[in-house]
């Protein structure tokens, strides 16, 4: 049986390994990290170490593993509606970002972040920043279990959720979990699809009325660029 729990600091390294492997060929993240193929996995790992340090401290990282087995099979990084994205907080992770990007890549990453942030809804929402499953565990429902675990809390708070998806395969998973496609992120490498999941009360009301929920129509400030592979 696969169980999903909140990540603790001791999960950081294993979760970073899983995410680096999962995103190695992702069109959006690969374009942002750039560089030669031979060292991309190591640089991806530095990137996810930085993201995970921040999110584990916030309690917004979920990890999946088999019951009784310490091996991490999948990880998901979320950002809460009230998350702090202060520059000082991000600056503390600068050594990891530098190892991931180098000087040229840092400029590229900042540009990608700005491009993606233009599409973030202004309405407060839960943001699925990253989700990935180890290659050996794919096809076993791990990604769906990771999504369902956090979305249960999102629904309990009657909150919306948002993500960007870089592949059609991933989008099918998100559609099954209540997300709807909104628009392609033109101007972003790989042109990922923005996807919105309305609060539970709005989805239930729309279902009663035989309608669909309306995605937020206005873009707004966000925090970190993302793409996902599950």
C-alpha atoms as a PDB file:
ATOM      1  CA  UNK A   1       0.000   0.000   0.000  1.00  0.00           C
ATOM      2  CA  UNK A   2       1.260   3.472  -0.899  1.00  0.00           C
ATOM      3  CA  UNK A   3       0.870   6.148   1.766  1.00  0.00           C
ATOM      4  CA  UNK A   4       1.235   9.920   1.481  1.00  0.00           C
ATOM      5  CA  UNK A   5       2.606  11.991   4.354  1.00  0.00           C
ATOM      6  CA  UNK A   6       3.877  15.509   4.926  1.00  0.00           C
ATOM      7  CA  UNK A   7       7.594  15.717   4.244  1.00  0.00           C
ATOM      8  CA  UNK A   8      10.046  16.344   7.067  1.00  0.00           C
ATOM      9  CA  UNK A   9      13.590  17.739   6.731  1.00  0.00           C
ATOM     10  CA  UNK A  10      14.986  14.213   6.594  1.00  0.00           C
ATOM     11  CA  UNK A  11      13.067  13.641   3.346  1.00  0.00           C
ATOM     12  CA  UNK A  12      14.756  16.506   1.514  1.00  0.00           C
ATOM     13  CA  UNK A  13      17.534  14.592  -0.243  1.00  0.00           C
ATOM     14  CA  UNK A  14      15.352  11.696  -1.380  1.00  0.00           C
ATOM     15  CA  UNK A  15      12.604  14.025  -2.608  1.00  0.00           C
ATOM     16  CA  UNK A  16      15.144  16.134  -4.520  1.00  0.00           C
ATOM     17  CA  UNK A  17      16.486  12.988  -6.216  1.00  0.00           C
ATOM     18  CA  UNK A  18      12.983  11.947  -7.293  1.00  0.00           C
ATOM     19  CA  UNK A  19      12.073  15.372  -8.657  1.00  0.00           C
ATOM     20  CA  UNK A  20      15.391  15.819 -10.480  1.00  0.00           C
ATOM     21  CA  UNK A  21      14.904  12.484 -12.221  1.00  0.00           C
ATOM     22  CA  UNK A  22      11.267  13.222 -13.043  1.00  0.00           C
ATOM     23  CA  UNK A  23      12.033  16.624 -14.566  1.00  0.00           C
ATOM     24  CA  UNK A  24      15.197  15.704 -16.436  1.00  0.00           C
ATOM     25  CA  UNK A  25      13.468  15.763 -19.838  1.00  0.00           C
ATOM     26  CA  UNK A  26      10.656  18.161 -18.961  1.00  0.00           C
ATOM     27  CA  UNK A  27      10.466  20.758 -21.750  1.00  0.00           C
ATOM     28  CA  UNK A  28       9.880  23.763 -19.485  1.00  0.00           C
ATOM     29  CA  UNK A  29      12.328  23.007 -16.679  1.00  0.00           C
ATOM     30  CA  UNK A  30      15.038  21.795 -19.069  1.00  0.00           C
ATOM     31  CA  UNK A  31      14.787  25.035 -21.025  1.00  0.00           C
ATOM     32  CA  UNK A  32      15.115  27.072 -17.827  1.00  0.00           C
ATOM     33  CA  UNK A  33      18.035  25.110 -16.364  1.00  0.00           C
ATOM     34  CA  UNK A  34      19.703  24.717 -19.753  1.00  0.00           C
ATOM     35  CA  UNK A  35      23.318  23.639 -20.099  1.00  0.00           C
ATOM     36  CA  UNK A  36      24.858  20.355 -21.205  1.00  0.00           C
ATOM     37  CA  UNK A  37      23.030  17.061 -20.879  1.00  0.00           C
ATOM     38  CA  UNK A  38      25.806  15.370 -18.916  1.00  0.00           C
ATOM     39  CA  UNK A  39      25.408  17.523 -15.799  1.00  0.00           C
ATOM     40  CA  UNK A  40      21.745  18.491 -16.038  1.00  0.00           C
ATOM     41  CA  UNK A  41      20.610  15.902 -13.467  1.00  0.00           C
ATOM     42  CA  UNK A  42      22.972  17.303 -10.822  1.00  0.00           C
ATOM     43  CA  UNK A  43      21.904  20.879 -11.570  1.00  0.00           C
ATOM     44  CA  UNK A  44      18.233  19.896 -11.446  1.00  0.00           C
ATOM     45  CA  UNK A  45      18.855  18.395  -8.031  1.00  0.00           C
ATOM     46  CA  UNK A  46      20.306  21.683  -6.729  1.00  0.00           C
ATOM     47  CA  UNK A  47      17.211  23.481  -8.011  1.00  0.00           C
ATOM     48  CA  UNK A  48      14.827  21.163  -6.196  1.00  0.00           C
ATOM     49  CA  UNK A  49      16.877  21.237  -3.001  1.00  0.00           C
ATOM     50  CA  UNK A  50      16.291  25.003  -2.934  1.00  0.00           C
ATOM     51  CA  UNK A  51      12.562  24.674  -3.557  1.00  0.00           C
ATOM     52  CA  UNK A  52      12.158  21.856  -1.052  1.00  0.00           C
ATOM     53  CA  UNK A  53      13.997  23.613   1.779  1.00  0.00           C
ATOM     54  CA  UNK A  54      11.524  26.471   1.598  1.00  0.00           C
ATOM     55  CA  UNK A  55       8.394  24.361   1.191  1.00  0.00           C
ATOM     56  CA  UNK A  56       9.229  21.684   3.779  1.00  0.00           C
ATOM     57  CA  UNK A  57       9.621  24.462   6.323  1.00  0.00           C
ATOM     58  CA  UNK A  58       6.113  25.637   5.371  1.00  0.00           C
ATOM     59  CA  UNK A  59       4.626  22.135   5.637  1.00  0.00           C
ATOM     60  CA  UNK A  60       3.568  22.133   1.987  1.00  0.00           C
ATOM     61  CA  UNK A  61       5.539  19.161   0.637  1.00  0.00           C
ATOM     62  CA  UNK A  62       3.950  15.715   0.394  1.00  0.00           C
ATOM     63  CA  UNK A  63       5.885  12.489  -0.169  1.00  0.00           C
ATOM     64  CA  UNK A  64       4.646   9.055  -1.176  1.00  0.00           C
ATOM     65  CA  UNK A  65       6.182   5.742  -0.154  1.00  0.00           C
ATOM     66  CA  UNK A  66       5.108   2.166   0.410  1.00  0.00           C
ATOM     67  CA  UNK A  67       3.935   1.461   3.938  1.00  0.00           C
ATOM     68  CA  UNK A  68       6.903   0.420   6.040  1.00  0.00           C
ATOM     69  CA  UNK A  69       9.436   1.351   3.342  1.00  0.00           C
ATOM     70  CA  UNK A  70      11.514   4.540   3.766  1.00  0.00           C
ATOM     71  CA  UNK A  71      12.118   4.945   0.007  1.00  0.00           C
ATOM     72  CA  UNK A  72      10.421   8.030  -1.435  1.00  0.00           C
ATOM     73  CA  UNK A  73       8.472   7.178  -4.583  1.00  0.00           C
ATOM     74  CA  UNK A  74       7.050  10.593  -5.355  1.00  0.00           C
ATOM     75  CA  UNK A  75       6.940  14.159  -4.096  1.00  0.00           C
ATOM     76  CA  UNK A  76       4.723  17.196  -4.557  1.00  0.00           C
ATOM     77  CA  UNK A  77       5.578  20.786  -3.671  1.00  0.00           C
ATOM     78  CA  UNK A  78       2.646  23.103  -3.025  1.00  0.00           C
ATOM     79  CA  UNK A  79       2.457  26.777  -2.234  1.00  0.00           C
ATOM     80  CA  UNK A  80      -0.279  27.904   0.157  1.00  0.00           C
ATOM     81  CA  UNK A  81      -2.438  30.962  -0.578  1.00  0.00           C
ATOM     82  CA  UNK A  82      -0.699  32.902   2.193  1.00  0.00           C
ATOM     83  CA  UNK A  83       2.841  31.750   1.365  1.00  0.00           C
ATOM     84  CA  UNK A  84       5.655  34.227   1.823  1.00  0.00           C
ATOM     85  CA  UNK A  85       7.769  34.784  -1.264  1.00  0.00           C
ATOM     86  CA  UNK A  86      10.026  37.490   0.115  1.00  0.00           C
ATOM     87  CA  UNK A  87      13.313  38.158  -1.654  1.00  0.00           C
ATOM     88  CA  UNK A  88      15.299  37.680   1.550  1.00  0.00           C
ATOM     89  CA  UNK A  89      13.813  34.222   2.006  1.00  0.00           C
ATOM     90  CA  UNK A  90      14.666  33.262  -1.565  1.00  0.00           C
ATOM     91  CA  UNK A  91      18.120  34.823  -1.273  1.00  0.00           C
ATOM     92  CA  UNK A  92      19.023  32.345   1.458  1.00  0.00           C
ATOM     93  CA  UNK A  93      18.795  29.627  -1.208  1.00  0.00           C
ATOM     94  CA  UNK A  94      21.043  31.512  -3.638  1.00  0.00           C
ATOM     95  CA  UNK A  95      23.941  28.992  -3.376  1.00  0.00           C
ATOM     96  CA  UNK A  96      21.637  26.193  -4.558  1.00  0.00           C
ATOM     97  CA  UNK A  97      20.152  28.347  -7.319  1.00  0.00           C
ATOM     98  CA  UNK A  98      23.677  29.289  -8.427  1.00  0.00           C
ATOM     99  CA  UNK A  99      24.722  25.624  -8.608  1.00  0.00           C
ATOM    100  CA  UNK A 100      21.602  24.857 -10.609  1.00  0.00           C
ATOM    101  CA  UNK A 101      21.783  27.708 -13.084  1.00  0.00           C
ATOM    102  CA  UNK A 102      25.125  29.470 -13.135  1.00  0.00           C
ATOM    103  CA  UNK A 103      25.149  33.186 -13.922  1.00  0.00           C
ATOM    104  CA  UNK A 104      23.539  32.926 -17.362  1.00  0.00           C
ATOM    105  CA  UNK A 105      20.944  30.493 -16.114  1.00  0.00           C
ATOM    106  CA  UNK A 106      19.989  32.746 -13.206  1.00  0.00           C
ATOM    107  CA  UNK A 107      19.069  35.469 -15.666  1.00  0.00           C
ATOM    108  CA  UNK A 108      17.140  32.926 -17.709  1.00  0.00           C
ATOM    109  CA  UNK A 109      15.354  31.656 -14.599  1.00  0.00           C
ATOM    110  CA  UNK A 110      14.360  35.167 -13.530  1.00  0.00           C
ATOM    111  CA  UNK A 111      12.980  35.814 -17.004  1.00  0.00           C
ATOM    112  CA  UNK A 112      11.013  32.569 -16.997  1.00  0.00           C
ATOM    113  CA  UNK A 113       9.611  33.335 -13.556  1.00  0.00           C
ATOM    114  CA  UNK A 114       8.427  36.748 -14.695  1.00  0.00           C
ATOM    115  CA  UNK A 115       6.800  35.260 -17.803  1.00  0.00           C
ATOM    116  CA  UNK A 116       4.956  32.593 -15.803  1.00  0.00           C
ATOM    117  CA  UNK A 117       3.946  35.009 -13.045  1.00  0.00           C
ATOM    118  CA  UNK A 118       2.024  37.091 -15.562  1.00  0.00           C
ATOM    119  CA  UNK A 119      -0.464  34.217 -15.838  1.00  0.00           C
ATOM    120  CA  UNK A 120      -0.910  33.517 -12.130  1.00  0.00           C
ATOM    121  CA  UNK A 121      -4.465  34.311 -10.954  1.00  0.00           C
ATOM    122  CA  UNK A 122      -4.817  37.171  -8.494  1.00  0.00           C
ATOM    123  CA  UNK A 123      -7.431  35.271  -6.549  1.00  0.00           C
ATOM    124  CA  UNK A 124      -5.718  33.518  -3.596  1.00  0.00           C
ATOM    125  CA  UNK A 125      -5.162  29.864  -4.410  1.00  0.00           C
ATOM    126  CA  UNK A 126      -3.142  26.750  -3.698  1.00  0.00           C
ATOM    127  CA  UNK A 127      -0.383  26.415  -6.287  1.00  0.00           C
ATOM    128  CA  UNK A 128       1.030  23.061  -7.338  1.00  0.00           C
ATOM    129  CA  UNK A 129       4.608  24.066  -7.985  1.00  0.00           C
ATOM    130  CA  UNK A 130       6.158  20.670  -8.653  1.00  0.00           C
ATOM    131  CA  UNK A 131       5.085  17.033  -8.661  1.00  0.00           C
ATOM    132  CA  UNK A 132       7.171  14.064  -9.730  1.00  0.00           C
ATOM    133  CA  UNK A 133       7.308  10.299  -9.427  1.00  0.00           C
ATOM    134  CA  UNK A 134      10.373   8.054  -9.548  1.00  0.00           C
ATOM    135  CA  UNK A 135      10.718   6.244 -12.871  1.00  0.00           C
ATOM    136  CA  UNK A 136      10.442   2.831 -11.195  1.00  0.00           C
ATOM    137  CA  UNK A 137       7.139   3.790  -9.578  1.00  0.00           C
ATOM    138  CA  UNK A 138       5.319   5.358 -12.518  1.00  0.00           C
ATOM    139  CA  UNK A 139       2.076   3.799 -13.638  1.00  0.00           C
ATOM    140  CA  UNK A 140       1.201   2.734 -10.084  1.00  0.00           C
ATOM    141  CA  UNK A 141      -1.078   5.637  -9.206  1.00  0.00           C
ATOM    142  CA  UNK A 142       1.491   7.488  -7.108  1.00  0.00           C
ATOM    143  CA  UNK A 143       0.882  10.847  -8.794  1.00  0.00           C
ATOM    144  CA  UNK A 144      -2.863  10.562  -8.297  1.00  0.00           C
ATOM    145  CA  UNK A 145      -2.449   9.703  -4.620  1.00  0.00           C
ATOM    146  CA  UNK A 146      -0.158  12.679  -4.095  1.00  0.00           C
ATOM    147  CA  UNK A 147      -2.700  14.982  -5.721  1.00  0.00           C
ATOM    148  CA  UNK A 148      -5.658  13.545  -3.825  1.00  0.00           C
ATOM    149  CA  UNK A 149      -3.947  13.889  -0.449  1.00  0.00           C
ATOM    150  CA  UNK A 150      -3.423  17.643  -0.666  1.00  0.00           C
ATOM    151  CA  UNK A 151      -6.598  18.358  -2.626  1.00  0.00           C
ATOM    152  CA  UNK A 152      -8.609  16.851   0.230  1.00  0.00           C
ATOM    153  CA  UNK A 153      -7.260  19.657   2.436  1.00  0.00           C
ATOM    154  CA  UNK A 154      -7.853  22.220  -0.302  1.00  0.00           C
ATOM    155  CA  UNK A 155     -11.478  21.095  -0.574  1.00  0.00           C
ATOM    156  CA  UNK A 156     -11.905  21.136   3.207  1.00  0.00           C
ATOM    157  CA  UNK A 157     -10.915  24.819   3.098  1.00  0.00           C
ATOM    158  CA  UNK A 158     -13.148  25.376   0.035  1.00  0.00           C
ATOM    159  CA  UNK A 159     -10.159  26.891  -1.745  1.00  0.00           C
ATOM    160  CA  UNK A 160      -9.185  26.943  -5.426  1.00  0.00           C
ATOM    161  CA  UNK A 161      -5.993  25.478  -6.880  1.00  0.00           C
ATOM    162  CA  UNK A 162      -3.834  26.309  -9.868  1.00  0.00           C
ATOM    163  CA  UNK A 163      -0.992  24.700 -11.812  1.00  0.00           C
ATOM    164  CA  UNK A 164       0.846  24.705 -15.103  1.00  0.00           C
ATOM    165  CA  UNK A 165       1.233  21.458 -17.048  1.00  0.00           C
ATOM    166  CA  UNK A 166       3.850  20.827 -19.704  1.00  0.00           C
ATOM    167  CA  UNK A 167       2.522  17.593 -21.270  1.00  0.00           C
ATOM    168  CA  UNK A 168      -0.791  16.217 -22.509  1.00  0.00           C
ATOM    169  CA  UNK A 169      -0.297  13.062 -20.419  1.00  0.00           C
ATOM    170  CA  UNK A 170      -0.067  15.088 -17.228  1.00  0.00           C
ATOM    171  CA  UNK A 171      -3.081  17.154 -18.160  1.00  0.00           C
ATOM    172  CA  UNK A 172      -5.226  14.035 -18.361  1.00  0.00           C
ATOM    173  CA  UNK A 173      -4.340  13.272 -14.734  1.00  0.00           C
ATOM    174  CA  UNK A 174      -5.158  16.794 -13.604  1.00  0.00           C
ATOM    175  CA  UNK A 175      -8.454  16.778 -15.471  1.00  0.00           C
ATOM    176  CA  UNK A 176      -9.450  13.634 -13.571  1.00  0.00           C
ATOM    177  CA  UNK A 177      -8.818  15.505 -10.332  1.00  0.00           C
ATOM    178  CA  UNK A 178     -11.069  18.432 -11.145  1.00  0.00           C
ATOM    179  CA  UNK A 179      -8.734  20.858 -12.908  1.00  0.00           C
ATOM    180  CA  UNK A 180      -9.792  22.586 -16.118  1.00  0.00           C
ATOM    181  CA  UNK A 181      -7.573  23.882 -18.891  1.00  0.00           C
ATOM    182  CA  UNK A 182      -7.583  27.665 -19.168  1.00  0.00           C
ATOM    183  CA  UNK A 183      -4.893  28.900 -21.567  1.00  0.00           C
ATOM    184  CA  UNK A 184      -1.477  28.178 -23.024  1.00  0.00           C
ATOM    185  CA  UNK A 185       1.316  30.199 -21.475  1.00  0.00           C
ATOM    186  CA  UNK A 186       2.607  31.806 -24.647  1.00  0.00           C
ATOM    187  CA  UNK A 187       6.025  33.344 -24.256  1.00  0.00           C
ATOM    188  CA  UNK A 188       7.086  30.609 -21.816  1.00  0.00           C
ATOM    189  CA  UNK A 189       9.467  27.895 -23.027  1.00  0.00           C
ATOM    190  CA  UNK A 190       7.479  24.781 -23.897  1.00  0.00           C
ATOM    191  CA  UNK A 191       4.186  26.708 -23.698  1.00  0.00           C
ATOM    192  CA  UNK A 192       2.689  24.845 -20.716  1.00  0.00           C
ATOM    193  CA  UNK A 193      -1.050  24.836 -20.116  1.00  0.00           C
ATOM    194  CA  UNK A 194      -2.517  26.803 -17.209  1.00  0.00           C
ATOM    195  CA  UNK A 195      -5.096  24.790 -15.261  1.00  0.00           C
ATOM    196  CA  UNK A 196      -7.582  25.933 -12.617  1.00  0.00           C
ATOM    197  CA  UNK A 197      -9.571  23.967 -10.044  1.00  0.00           C
ATOM    198  CA  UNK A 198     -12.469  25.952  -8.601  1.00  0.00           C
ATOM    199  CA  UNK A 199     -13.388  25.685  -4.918  1.00  0.00           C
ATOM    200  CA  UNK A 200     -15.555  22.722  -3.988  1.00  0.00           C
ATOM    201  CA  UNK A 201     -18.642  24.843  -3.371  1.00  0.00           C
ATOM    202  CA  UNK A 202     -18.399  26.378  -6.849  1.00  0.00           C
ATOM    203  CA  UNK A 203     -17.863  23.016  -8.522  1.00  0.00           C
ATOM    204  CA  UNK A 204     -20.865  21.535  -6.705  1.00  0.00           C
ATOM    205  CA  UNK A 205     -23.066  24.506  -7.604  1.00  0.00           C
ATOM    206  CA  UNK A 206     -22.013  24.305 -11.241  1.00  0.00           C
ATOM    207  CA  UNK A 207     -22.757  20.574 -11.301  1.00  0.00           C
ATOM    208  CA  UNK A 208     -26.251  21.167  -9.884  1.00  0.00           C
ATOM    209  CA  UNK A 209     -26.927  23.811 -12.519  1.00  0.00           C
ATOM    210  CA  UNK A 210     -25.454  21.768 -15.353  1.00  0.00           C
ATOM    211  CA  UNK A 211     -22.761  24.371 -15.944  1.00  0.00           C
ATOM    212  CA  UNK A 212     -18.975  24.517 -15.800  1.00  0.00           C
ATOM    213  CA  UNK A 213     -16.958  26.617 -13.392  1.00  0.00           C
ATOM    214  CA  UNK A 214     -15.459  29.810 -14.763  1.00  0.00           C
ATOM    215  CA  UNK A 215     -11.680  30.158 -14.492  1.00  0.00           C
ATOM    216  CA  UNK A 216     -10.343  33.423 -13.085  1.00  0.00           C
ATOM    217  CA  UNK A 217     -10.111  35.948 -15.847  1.00  0.00           C
ATOM    218  CA  UNK A 218      -7.335  38.166 -14.584  1.00  0.00           C
ATOM    219  CA  UNK A 219      -3.639  37.440 -14.314  1.00  0.00           C
ATOM    220  CA  UNK A 220      -1.651  38.434 -11.293  1.00  0.00           C
ATOM    221  CA  UNK A 221       1.556  38.247  -9.326  1.00  0.00           C
ATOM    222  CA  UNK A 222       3.010  34.868  -8.522  1.00  0.00           C
ATOM    223  CA  UNK A 223       6.227  33.491  -7.112  1.00  0.00           C
ATOM    224  CA  UNK A 224       8.170  30.663  -8.711  1.00  0.00           C
ATOM    225  CA  UNK A 225       8.139  29.089 -12.156  1.00  0.00           C
ATOM    226  CA  UNK A 226       7.062  25.512 -12.431  1.00  0.00           C
ATOM    227  CA  UNK A 227       6.321  22.549 -14.572  1.00  0.00           C
ATOM    228  CA  UNK A 228       5.388  19.046 -13.552  1.00  0.00           C
ATOM    229  CA  UNK A 229       5.971  15.534 -14.691  1.00  0.00           C
ATOM    230  CA  UNK A 230       4.200  12.558 -13.138  1.00  0.00           C
END
